[in-house]
Amino acid sequence: MMSKEVSTDWKAALAAQVKTEVARVQEFDGLPQISLRHGRMVMNDKPSPGDAIECIILGYEYERAWYDRPFDPEDIAPPECFALGKAKYELIPHENVENPPNGECKGCPWAEFGTARQGKGPACKTRVRLVVLAVSEDLNGSMKEPELAIIKVSPTSVANFDAVGSSKKQPGHLKNLAAAKCAEWSAVSKISMSMHPKGGYGVVNFEVVKPITDEKVLASVFGMIPGIQDDLNRAWSYETDEDEGKEASEAEKKAGAKF
C-alpha cells in the first residue's frame, strides 16, 4: 500500500514538473546563437579563432529581462517580464507578459540599481540582441552562402555598443559607425571578446573595420534585412501545447457554431 502511494505521488510530481517546464521553455528555433560565456566566442560548439568575428550587423534590438530566481546558464525558461525595442530608454513590457510589475521599464522597481541578487546593478538586465552575417576577408559582391547568427551582448558590455558609449574617450560602436558615415549594415564590424582586468568577466568589444563600398554587396546585405526580423524580434512564449490545443478547440467550436 505504501509503495503504491509513493508511486502515485511520484507520477503526479513528475507530471506537474513536466507541465511547468514545457510551459516555460522558450522555442528559439531560428538562427544559431554565438555563445559569449566565460570570455570565449563559440558557435555550434566550435571556438571562433581569436575569440573574434568579422561580420556585418544586419540589425539589433535592446532586450530587457527580469528573473525572480538566481541565474542558471542551463535554464532556458522565460523571464517573469521582458521587453524588446530599438529605443533603449522607451521600452515597455512585451504584450506576451501577463502581469508586468510596471507599465513601462523606466520607473520599474526592478530596473533600479541595487536590486540585483549580486552586485550593485538592477535586477532587470539590459542586453543587445544582434543578428550578424559572418564575412570572408574579401567581399567581392558575390555573397555566397550567408552565415547568419544571433549574438546577445551582456549587460556589462551594452555601453560598448551604444551610441552613447561608456565615456567620451570610449564612444560606443553605433557612434563610431555614425562617425564613419555608416549604418550598422553598411560596414564590416569586428566583434571580439576579452577578459575584464579587474572584474574577471568577459567583455564584448566592437570595432569598425571598414565601410562597404561595393554596391552589389550593399544591395545583397540590404535585401537580407527583412528576412531576419522574425529572429531579431522573437519573443518569449508562455503558452503550453495544452493551451494551444484549447485555443484551437475553442476556435473550432466557434467556427462550427456558424453553420
C-alpha atoms as a PDB file:
ATOM      1  CA  MET A   1       0.000   0.000   0.000  1.00  0.00           C
ATOM      2  CA  MET A   2       2.782   2.392   0.955  1.00  0.00           C
ATOM      3  CA  SER A   3       4.620   1.571  -2.266  1.00  0.00           C
ATOM      4  CA  LYS A   4       1.529   2.371  -4.307  1.00  0.00           C
ATOM      5  CA  GLU A   5       1.079   5.775  -2.610  1.00  0.00           C
ATOM      6  CA  VAL A   6       4.703   6.719  -3.200  1.00  0.00           C
ATOM      7  CA  SER A   7       4.445   5.676  -6.841  1.00  0.00           C
ATOM      8  CA  THR A   8       1.265   7.705  -7.327  1.00  0.00           C
ATOM      9  CA  ASP A   9       2.788  10.776  -5.708  1.00  0.00           C
ATOM     10  CA  TRP A  10       5.919  10.371  -7.786  1.00  0.00           C
ATOM     11  CA  LYS A  11       3.951  10.248 -11.017  1.00  0.00           C
ATOM     12  CA  ALA A  12       1.881  13.267 -10.039  1.00  0.00           C
ATOM     13  CA  ALA A  13       5.006  15.237  -9.114  1.00  0.00           C
ATOM     14  CA  LEU A  14       6.698  14.288 -12.382  1.00  0.00           C
ATOM     15  CA  ALA A  15       3.637  15.247 -14.421  1.00  0.00           C
ATOM     16  CA  ALA A  16       3.427  18.603 -12.657  1.00  0.00           C
ATOM     17  CA  GLN A  17       7.130  19.300 -13.189  1.00  0.00           C
ATOM     18  CA  VAL A  18       6.988  18.378 -16.878  1.00  0.00           C
ATOM     19  CA  LYS A  19       3.965  20.617 -17.377  1.00  0.00           C
ATOM     20  CA  THR A  20       5.759  23.504 -15.685  1.00  0.00           C
ATOM     21  CA  GLU A  21       8.926  23.036 -17.722  1.00  0.00           C
ATOM     22  CA  VAL A  22       7.031  22.783 -21.004  1.00  0.00           C
ATOM     23  CA  ALA A  23       5.157  25.942 -20.129  1.00  0.00           C
ATOM     24  CA  ARG A  24       8.363  27.861 -19.541  1.00  0.00           C
ATOM     25  CA  VAL A  25      10.577  26.590 -22.359  1.00  0.00           C
ATOM     26  CA  GLN A  26      11.361  29.174 -24.992  1.00  0.00           C
ATOM     27  CA  GLU A  27      11.165  27.942 -28.579  1.00  0.00           C
ATOM     28  CA  PHE A  28      14.081  29.855 -30.060  1.00  0.00           C
ATOM     29  CA  ASP A  29      14.421  27.576 -33.081  1.00  0.00           C
ATOM     30  CA  GLY A  30      15.626  30.151 -35.571  1.00  0.00           C
ATOM     31  CA  LEU A  31      19.199  31.240 -36.153  1.00  0.00           C
ATOM     32  CA  PRO A  32      22.096  29.671 -34.233  1.00  0.00           C
ATOM     33  CA  GLN A  33      23.349  31.712 -31.295  1.00  0.00           C
ATOM     34  CA  ILE A  34      27.002  32.575 -30.786  1.00  0.00           C
ATOM     35  CA  SER A  35      27.897  31.924 -27.164  1.00  0.00           C
ATOM     36  CA  LEU A  36      29.968  34.555 -25.353  1.00  0.00           C
ATOM     37  CA  ARG A  37      30.205  32.802 -22.000  1.00  0.00           C
ATOM     38  CA  HIS A  38      33.400  32.919 -19.911  1.00  0.00           C
ATOM     39  CA  GLY A  39      35.052  35.319 -22.338  1.00  0.00           C
ATOM     40  CA  ARG A  40      35.028  32.787 -25.199  1.00  0.00           C
ATOM     41  CA  MET A  41      33.250  33.094 -28.547  1.00  0.00           C
ATOM     42  CA  VAL A  42      31.750  29.772 -29.603  1.00  0.00           C
ATOM     43  CA  MET A  43      29.336  28.880 -32.421  1.00  0.00           C
ATOM     44  CA  ASN A  44      27.962  25.370 -32.979  1.00  0.00           C
ATOM     45  CA  ASP A  45      30.408  24.074 -30.339  1.00  0.00           C
ATOM     46  CA  LYS A  46      33.352  25.450 -32.322  1.00  0.00           C
ATOM     47  CA  PRO A  47      35.507  28.238 -30.822  1.00  0.00           C
ATOM     48  CA  SER A  48      35.964  31.229 -33.089  1.00  0.00           C
ATOM     49  CA  PRO A  49      39.670  31.856 -33.857  1.00  0.00           C
ATOM     50  CA  GLY A  50      40.976  34.551 -31.526  1.00  0.00           C
ATOM     51  CA  ASP A  51      37.519  34.773 -29.922  1.00  0.00           C
ATOM     52  CA  ALA A  52      36.594  37.279 -32.613  1.00  0.00           C
ATOM     53  CA  ILE A  53      34.475  37.528 -35.721  1.00  0.00           C
ATOM     54  CA  GLU A  54      34.339  39.957 -38.627  1.00  0.00           C
ATOM     55  CA  CYS A  55      30.746  40.460 -39.625  1.00  0.00           C
ATOM     56  CA  ILE A  56      28.010  42.739 -40.869  1.00  0.00           C
ATOM     57  CA  ILE A  57      25.420  43.652 -38.230  1.00  0.00           C
ATOM     58  CA  LEU A  58      22.115  43.316 -40.077  1.00  0.00           C
ATOM     59  CA  GLY A  59      20.028  44.573 -37.180  1.00  0.00           C
ATOM     60  CA  TYR A  60      19.795  44.999 -33.421  1.00  0.00           C
ATOM     61  CA  GLU A  61      17.213  45.186 -30.653  1.00  0.00           C
ATOM     62  CA  TYR A  62      17.551  46.090 -26.993  1.00  0.00           C
ATOM     63  CA  GLU A  63      16.230  43.404 -24.691  1.00  0.00           C
ATOM     64  CA  ARG A  64      15.337  43.769 -21.016  1.00  0.00           C
ATOM     65  CA  ALA A  65      14.588  40.751 -18.826  1.00  0.00           C
ATOM     66  CA  TRP A  66      13.754  40.298 -15.161  1.00  0.00           C
ATOM     67  CA  TYR A  67      14.052  36.897 -13.449  1.00  0.00           C
ATOM     68  CA  ASP A  68      12.811  36.243  -9.917  1.00  0.00           C
ATOM     69  CA  ARG A  69      15.289  33.379  -9.482  1.00  0.00           C
ATOM     70  CA  PRO A  70      19.090  33.049  -9.398  1.00  0.00           C
ATOM     71  CA  PHE A  71      20.954  32.924 -12.709  1.00  0.00           C
ATOM     72  CA  ASP A  72      21.367  29.464 -14.203  1.00  0.00           C
ATOM     73  CA  PRO A  73      23.124  29.230 -17.603  1.00  0.00           C
ATOM     74  CA  GLU A  74      21.311  25.963 -18.324  1.00  0.00           C
ATOM     75  CA  ASP A  75      17.885  27.462 -17.550  1.00  0.00           C
ATOM     76  CA  ILE A  76      16.125  28.391 -20.789  1.00  0.00           C
ATOM     77  CA  ALA A  77      12.815  29.250 -19.147  1.00  0.00           C
ATOM     78  CA  PRO A  78      11.374  32.680 -19.952  1.00  0.00           C
ATOM     79  CA  PRO A  79      11.757  35.599 -17.553  1.00  0.00           C
ATOM     80  CA  GLU A  80       8.935  36.932 -15.397  1.00  0.00           C
ATOM     81  CA  CYS A  81       8.962  40.092 -17.514  1.00  0.00           C
ATOM     82  CA  PHE A  82      10.782  41.196 -20.661  1.00  0.00           C
ATOM     83  CA  ALA A  83      10.821  43.957 -23.267  1.00  0.00           C
ATOM     84  CA  LEU A  84      12.166  44.380 -26.797  1.00  0.00           C
ATOM     85  CA  GLY A  85      12.762  47.506 -28.865  1.00  0.00           C
ATOM     86  CA  LYS A  86      15.128  49.864 -30.640  1.00  0.00           C
ATOM     87  CA  ALA A  87      14.748  52.748 -28.182  1.00  0.00           C
ATOM     88  CA  LYS A  88      16.523  51.601 -25.025  1.00  0.00           C
ATOM     89  CA  TYR A  89      15.048  54.272 -22.769  1.00  0.00           C
ATOM     90  CA  GLU A  90      11.463  53.877 -24.029  1.00  0.00           C
ATOM     91  CA  LEU A  91      10.946  50.137 -23.594  1.00  0.00           C
ATOM     92  CA  ILE A  92       7.687  48.739 -22.214  1.00  0.00           C
ATOM     93  CA  PRO A  93       6.837  45.143 -21.146  1.00  0.00           C
ATOM     94  CA  HIS A  94       6.105  42.880 -24.096  1.00  0.00           C
ATOM     95  CA  GLU A  95       2.469  42.048 -24.816  1.00  0.00           C
ATOM     96  CA  ASN A  96       3.171  38.373 -24.006  1.00  0.00           C
ATOM     97  CA  VAL A  97       3.825  39.264 -20.347  1.00  0.00           C
ATOM     98  CA  GLU A  98       0.571  38.758 -18.457  1.00  0.00           C
ATOM     99  CA  ASN A  99       1.377  40.566 -15.199  1.00  0.00           C
ATOM    100  CA  PRO A 100       4.181  43.100 -15.681  1.00  0.00           C
ATOM    101  CA  PRO A 101       5.412  44.730 -12.465  1.00  0.00           C
ATOM    102  CA  ASN A 102       5.210  48.166 -14.101  1.00  0.00           C
ATOM    103  CA  GLY A 103       3.631  49.757 -17.158  1.00  0.00           C
ATOM    104  CA  GLU A 104       6.996  50.770 -18.589  1.00  0.00           C
ATOM    105  CA  CYS A 105      10.600  49.812 -17.955  1.00  0.00           C
ATOM    106  CA  LYS A 106      11.533  53.313 -16.869  1.00  0.00           C
ATOM    107  CA  GLY A 107      10.470  53.677 -13.250  1.00  0.00           C
ATOM    108  CA  CYS A 108      10.002  49.955 -12.687  1.00  0.00           C
ATOM    109  CA  PRO A 109      11.264  48.967  -9.210  1.00  0.00           C
ATOM    110  CA  TRP A 110      13.242  46.059 -10.706  1.00  0.00           C
ATOM    111  CA  ALA A 111      15.066  48.486 -13.023  1.00  0.00           C
ATOM    112  CA  GLU A 112      16.552  50.346 -10.062  1.00  0.00           C
ATOM    113  CA  PHE A 113      20.233  49.930  -9.216  1.00  0.00           C
ATOM    114  CA  GLY A 114      20.820  47.882  -6.102  1.00  0.00           C
ATOM    115  CA  THR A 115      18.000  45.380  -6.741  1.00  0.00           C
ATOM    116  CA  ALA A 116      20.186  42.675  -8.325  1.00  0.00           C
ATOM    117  CA  ARG A 117      20.824  39.475  -6.382  1.00  0.00           C
ATOM    118  CA  GLN A 118      24.553  40.047  -6.836  1.00  0.00           C
ATOM    119  CA  GLY A 119      26.371  43.315  -7.356  1.00  0.00           C
ATOM    120  CA  LYS A 120      25.019  46.851  -7.353  1.00  0.00           C
ATOM    121  CA  GLY A 121      23.117  46.747 -10.641  1.00  0.00           C
ATOM    122  CA  PRO A 122      19.407  46.406 -11.377  1.00  0.00           C
ATOM    123  CA  ALA A 123      17.586  43.077 -11.210  1.00  0.00           C
ATOM    124  CA  CYS A 124      16.181  43.692 -14.694  1.00  0.00           C
ATOM    125  CA  LYS A 125      19.123  43.346 -17.070  1.00  0.00           C
ATOM    126  CA  THR A 126      19.566  45.103 -20.416  1.00  0.00           C
ATOM    127  CA  ARG A 127      21.185  43.266 -23.312  1.00  0.00           C
ATOM    128  CA  VAL A 128      21.575  43.924 -27.023  1.00  0.00           C
ATOM    129  CA  ARG A 129      20.423  41.274 -29.470  1.00  0.00           C
ATOM    130  CA  LEU A 130      22.346  41.346 -32.767  1.00  0.00           C
ATOM    131  CA  VAL A 131      21.775  39.451 -35.995  1.00  0.00           C
ATOM    132  CA  VAL A 132      25.134  39.213 -37.740  1.00  0.00           C
ATOM    133  CA  LEU A 133      26.363  37.984 -41.095  1.00  0.00           C
ATOM    134  CA  ALA A 134      29.854  36.498 -40.949  1.00  0.00           C
ATOM    135  CA  VAL A 135      32.029  37.657 -43.845  1.00  0.00           C
ATOM    136  CA  SER A 136      35.167  36.397 -45.530  1.00  0.00           C
ATOM    137  CA  GLU A 137      38.267  38.548 -45.866  1.00  0.00           C
ATOM    138  CA  ASP A 138      37.308  39.558 -49.349  1.00  0.00           C
ATOM    139  CA  LEU A 139      33.871  40.964 -50.197  1.00  0.00           C
ATOM    140  CA  ASN A 140      33.616  40.693 -53.973  1.00  0.00           C
ATOM    141  CA  GLY A 141      29.891  41.214 -54.417  1.00  0.00           C
ATOM    142  CA  SER A 142      29.035  37.542 -54.880  1.00  0.00           C
ATOM    143  CA  MET A 143      27.735  36.987 -51.302  1.00  0.00           C
ATOM    144  CA  LYS A 144      27.981  33.203 -51.154  1.00  0.00           C
ATOM    145  CA  GLU A 145      26.215  31.054 -48.542  1.00  0.00           C
ATOM    146  CA  PRO A 146      25.461  33.533 -45.735  1.00  0.00           C
ATOM    147  CA  GLU A 147      26.405  32.527 -42.199  1.00  0.00           C
ATOM    148  CA  LEU A 148      23.807  34.209 -40.049  1.00  0.00           C
ATOM    149  CA  ALA A 149      23.753  34.069 -36.263  1.00  0.00           C
ATOM    150  CA  ILE A 150      22.382  35.740 -33.138  1.00  0.00           C
ATOM    151  CA  ILE A 151      24.687  37.423 -30.617  1.00  0.00           C
ATOM    152  CA  LYS A 152      23.413  38.596 -27.237  1.00  0.00           C
ATOM    153  CA  VAL A 153      25.643  41.276 -25.782  1.00  0.00           C
ATOM    154  CA  SER A 154      25.891  41.056 -21.990  1.00  0.00           C
ATOM    155  CA  PRO A 155      24.687  43.919 -19.742  1.00  0.00           C
ATOM    156  CA  THR A 156      28.261  44.859 -18.800  1.00  0.00           C
ATOM    157  CA  SER A 157      29.120  45.403 -22.486  1.00  0.00           C
ATOM    158  CA  VAL A 158      25.998  47.216 -23.716  1.00  0.00           C
ATOM    159  CA  ALA A 159      27.761  50.597 -23.387  1.00  0.00           C
ATOM    160  CA  ASN A 160      30.407  49.379 -25.827  1.00  0.00           C
ATOM    161  CA  PHE A 161      27.684  49.073 -28.468  1.00  0.00           C
ATOM    162  CA  ASP A 162      25.583  52.131 -27.574  1.00  0.00           C
ATOM    163  CA  ALA A 163      25.645  55.430 -29.384  1.00  0.00           C
ATOM    164  CA  VAL A 164      26.457  56.987 -26.010  1.00  0.00           C
ATOM    165  CA  GLY A 165      29.361  54.727 -25.138  1.00  0.00           C
ATOM    166  CA  SER A 166      30.956  54.196 -21.772  1.00  0.00           C
ATOM    167  CA  SER A 167      32.691  57.604 -21.806  1.00  0.00           C
ATOM    168  CA  LYS A 168      33.680  60.464 -24.114  1.00  0.00           C
ATOM    169  CA  LYS A 169      37.042  58.790 -24.611  1.00  0.00           C
ATOM    170  CA  GLN A 170      35.400  55.460 -25.406  1.00  0.00           C
ATOM    171  CA  PRO A 171      32.374  56.085 -27.639  1.00  0.00           C
ATOM    172  CA  GLY A 172      30.122  53.142 -28.412  1.00  0.00           C
ATOM    173  CA  HIS A 173      30.051  51.241 -31.684  1.00  0.00           C
ATOM    174  CA  LEU A 174      26.940  52.960 -33.027  1.00  0.00           C
ATOM    175  CA  LYS A 175      28.595  56.344 -32.512  1.00  0.00           C
ATOM    176  CA  ASN A 176      31.761  55.156 -34.258  1.00  0.00           C
ATOM    177  CA  LEU A 177      29.681  53.851 -37.161  1.00  0.00           C
ATOM    178  CA  ALA A 178      27.929  57.219 -37.442  1.00  0.00           C
ATOM    179  CA  ALA A 179      31.312  58.975 -37.433  1.00  0.00           C
ATOM    180  CA  ALA A 180      32.323  56.746 -40.356  1.00  0.00           C
ATOM    181  CA  LYS A 181      29.032  57.703 -42.064  1.00  0.00           C
ATOM    182  CA  CYS A 182      27.831  54.103 -41.909  1.00  0.00           C
ATOM    183  CA  ALA A 183      24.718  52.288 -40.823  1.00  0.00           C
ATOM    184  CA  GLU A 184      25.323  49.097 -38.853  1.00  0.00           C
ATOM    185  CA  TRP A 185      24.587  47.078 -42.028  1.00  0.00           C
ATOM    186  CA  SER A 186      26.806  49.111 -44.373  1.00  0.00           C
ATOM    187  CA  ALA A 187      30.142  48.369 -42.681  1.00  0.00           C
ATOM    188  CA  VAL A 188      32.213  45.388 -41.669  1.00  0.00           C
ATOM    189  CA  SER A 189      32.477  45.243 -37.884  1.00  0.00           C
ATOM    190  CA  LYS A 190      34.792  43.230 -35.703  1.00  0.00           C
ATOM    191  CA  ILE A 191      33.264  41.756 -32.548  1.00  0.00           C
ATOM    192  CA  SER A 192      35.746  40.275 -30.088  1.00  0.00           C
ATOM    193  CA  MET A 193      35.969  39.014 -26.524  1.00  0.00           C
ATOM    194  CA  SER A 194      38.397  39.928 -23.780  1.00  0.00           C
ATOM    195  CA  MET A 195      38.515  39.485 -20.022  1.00  0.00           C
ATOM    196  CA  HIS A 196      37.974  42.467 -17.754  1.00  0.00           C
ATOM    197  CA  PRO A 197      41.325  43.062 -15.987  1.00  0.00           C
ATOM    198  CA  LYS A 198      39.710  43.593 -12.584  1.00  0.00           C
ATOM    199  CA  GLY A 199      36.218  42.129 -12.817  1.00  0.00           C
ATOM    200  CA  GLY A 200      37.282  38.751 -14.184  1.00  0.00           C
ATOM    201  CA  TYR A 201      34.322  38.576 -16.599  1.00  0.00           C
ATOM    202  CA  GLY A 202      34.071  38.581 -20.376  1.00  0.00           C
ATOM    203  CA  VAL A 203      33.811  41.897 -22.224  1.00  0.00           C
ATOM    204  CA  VAL A 204      32.366  42.280 -25.734  1.00  0.00           C
ATOM    205  CA  ASN A 205      34.372  44.716 -27.863  1.00  0.00           C
ATOM    206  CA  PHE A 206      33.403  46.369 -31.147  1.00  0.00           C
ATOM    207  CA  GLU A 207      35.473  47.878 -33.918  1.00  0.00           C
ATOM    208  CA  VAL A 208      34.614  49.418 -37.291  1.00  0.00           C
ATOM    209  CA  VAL A 209      36.796  47.523 -39.774  1.00  0.00           C
ATOM    210  CA  LYS A 210      35.767  49.279 -42.987  1.00  0.00           C
ATOM    211  CA  PRO A 211      32.750  50.704 -44.804  1.00  0.00           C
ATOM    212  CA  ILE A 212      31.239  48.544 -47.542  1.00  0.00           C
ATOM    213  CA  THR A 213      31.603  50.373 -50.844  1.00  0.00           C
ATOM    214  CA  ASP A 214      30.630  47.668 -53.332  1.00  0.00           C
ATOM    215  CA  GLU A 215      27.073  48.446 -54.423  1.00  0.00           C
ATOM    216  CA  LYS A 216      26.335  44.785 -55.221  1.00  0.00           C
ATOM    217  CA  VAL A 217      27.284  43.777 -51.699  1.00  0.00           C
ATOM    218  CA  LEU A 218      25.261  46.626 -50.203  1.00  0.00           C
ATOM    219  CA  ALA A 219      22.230  45.597 -52.266  1.00  0.00           C
ATOM    220  CA  SER A 220      22.629  41.952 -51.157  1.00  0.00           C
ATOM    221  CA  VAL A 221      23.008  42.885 -47.495  1.00  0.00           C
ATOM    222  CA  PHE A 222      20.107  45.334 -47.528  1.00  0.00           C
ATOM    223  CA  GLY A 223      17.933  42.675 -49.140  1.00  0.00           C
ATOM    224  CA  MET A 224      18.585  40.308 -46.219  1.00  0.00           C
ATOM    225  CA  ILE A 225      17.281  42.686 -43.556  1.00  0.00           C
ATOM    226  CA  PRO A 226      13.534  41.954 -43.944  1.00  0.00           C
ATOM    227  CA  GLY A 227      14.221  38.215 -43.674  1.00  0.00           C
ATOM    228  CA  ILE A 228      15.920  38.444 -40.273  1.00  0.00           C
ATOM    229  CA  GLN A 229      13.185  40.395 -38.487  1.00  0.00           C
ATOM    230  CA  ASP A 230      11.433  37.314 -37.100  1.00  0.00           C
ATOM    231  CA  ASP A 231      14.657  36.200 -35.395  1.00  0.00           C
ATOM    232  CA  LEU A 232      15.546  39.710 -34.294  1.00  0.00           C
ATOM    233  CA  ASN A 233      12.124  40.282 -32.709  1.00  0.00           C
ATOM    234  CA  ARG A 234      11.484  36.732 -31.498  1.00  0.00           C
ATOM    235  CA  ALA A 235       9.668  36.954 -28.171  1.00  0.00           C
ATOM    236  CA  TRP A 236       9.407  34.599 -25.214  1.00  0.00           C
ATOM    237  CA  SER A 237       6.264  32.478 -25.224  1.00  0.00           C
ATOM    238  CA  TYR A 238       4.390  31.434 -22.090  1.00  0.00           C
ATOM    239  CA  GLU A 239       1.906  29.152 -23.814  1.00  0.00           C
ATOM    240  CA  THR A 240       1.929  25.377 -23.457  1.00  0.00           C
ATOM    241  CA  ASP A 241       0.913  22.854 -26.090  1.00  0.00           C
ATOM    242  CA  GLU A 242      -2.160  22.292 -23.918  1.00  0.00           C
ATOM    243  CA  ASP A 243      -3.043  25.994 -24.091  1.00  0.00           C
ATOM    244  CA  GLU A 244      -2.665  25.995 -27.867  1.00  0.00           C
ATOM    245  CA  GLY A 245      -4.896  22.908 -28.055  1.00  0.00           C
ATOM    246  CA  LYS A 246      -7.589  24.664 -26.023  1.00  0.00           C
ATOM    247  CA  GLU A 247      -7.415  27.730 -28.269  1.00  0.00           C
ATOM    248  CA  ALA A 248      -7.708  25.572 -31.367  1.00  0.00           C
ATOM    249  CA  SER A 249     -10.622  23.659 -29.853  1.00  0.00           C
ATOM    250  CA  GLU A 250     -12.473  26.864 -28.953  1.00  0.00           C
ATOM    251  CA  ALA A 251     -11.851  28.258 -32.432  1.00  0.00           C
ATOM    252  CA  GLU A 252     -13.259  25.075 -33.964  1.00  0.00           C
ATOM    253  CA  LYS A 253     -16.356  25.303 -31.768  1.00  0.00           C
ATOM    254  CA  LYS A 254     -16.955  28.905 -32.817  1.00  0.00           C
ATOM    255  CA  ALA A 255     -16.431  28.005 -36.463  1.00  0.00           C
ATOM    256  CA  GLY A 256     -18.833  25.063 -36.114  1.00  0.00           C
ATOM    257  CA  ALA A 257     -21.442  27.259 -34.476  1.00  0.00           C
ATOM    258  CA  LYS A 258     -21.672  29.384 -37.621  1.00  0.00           C
ATOM    259  CA  PHE A 259     -23.049  26.529 -39.701  1.00  0.00           C
END
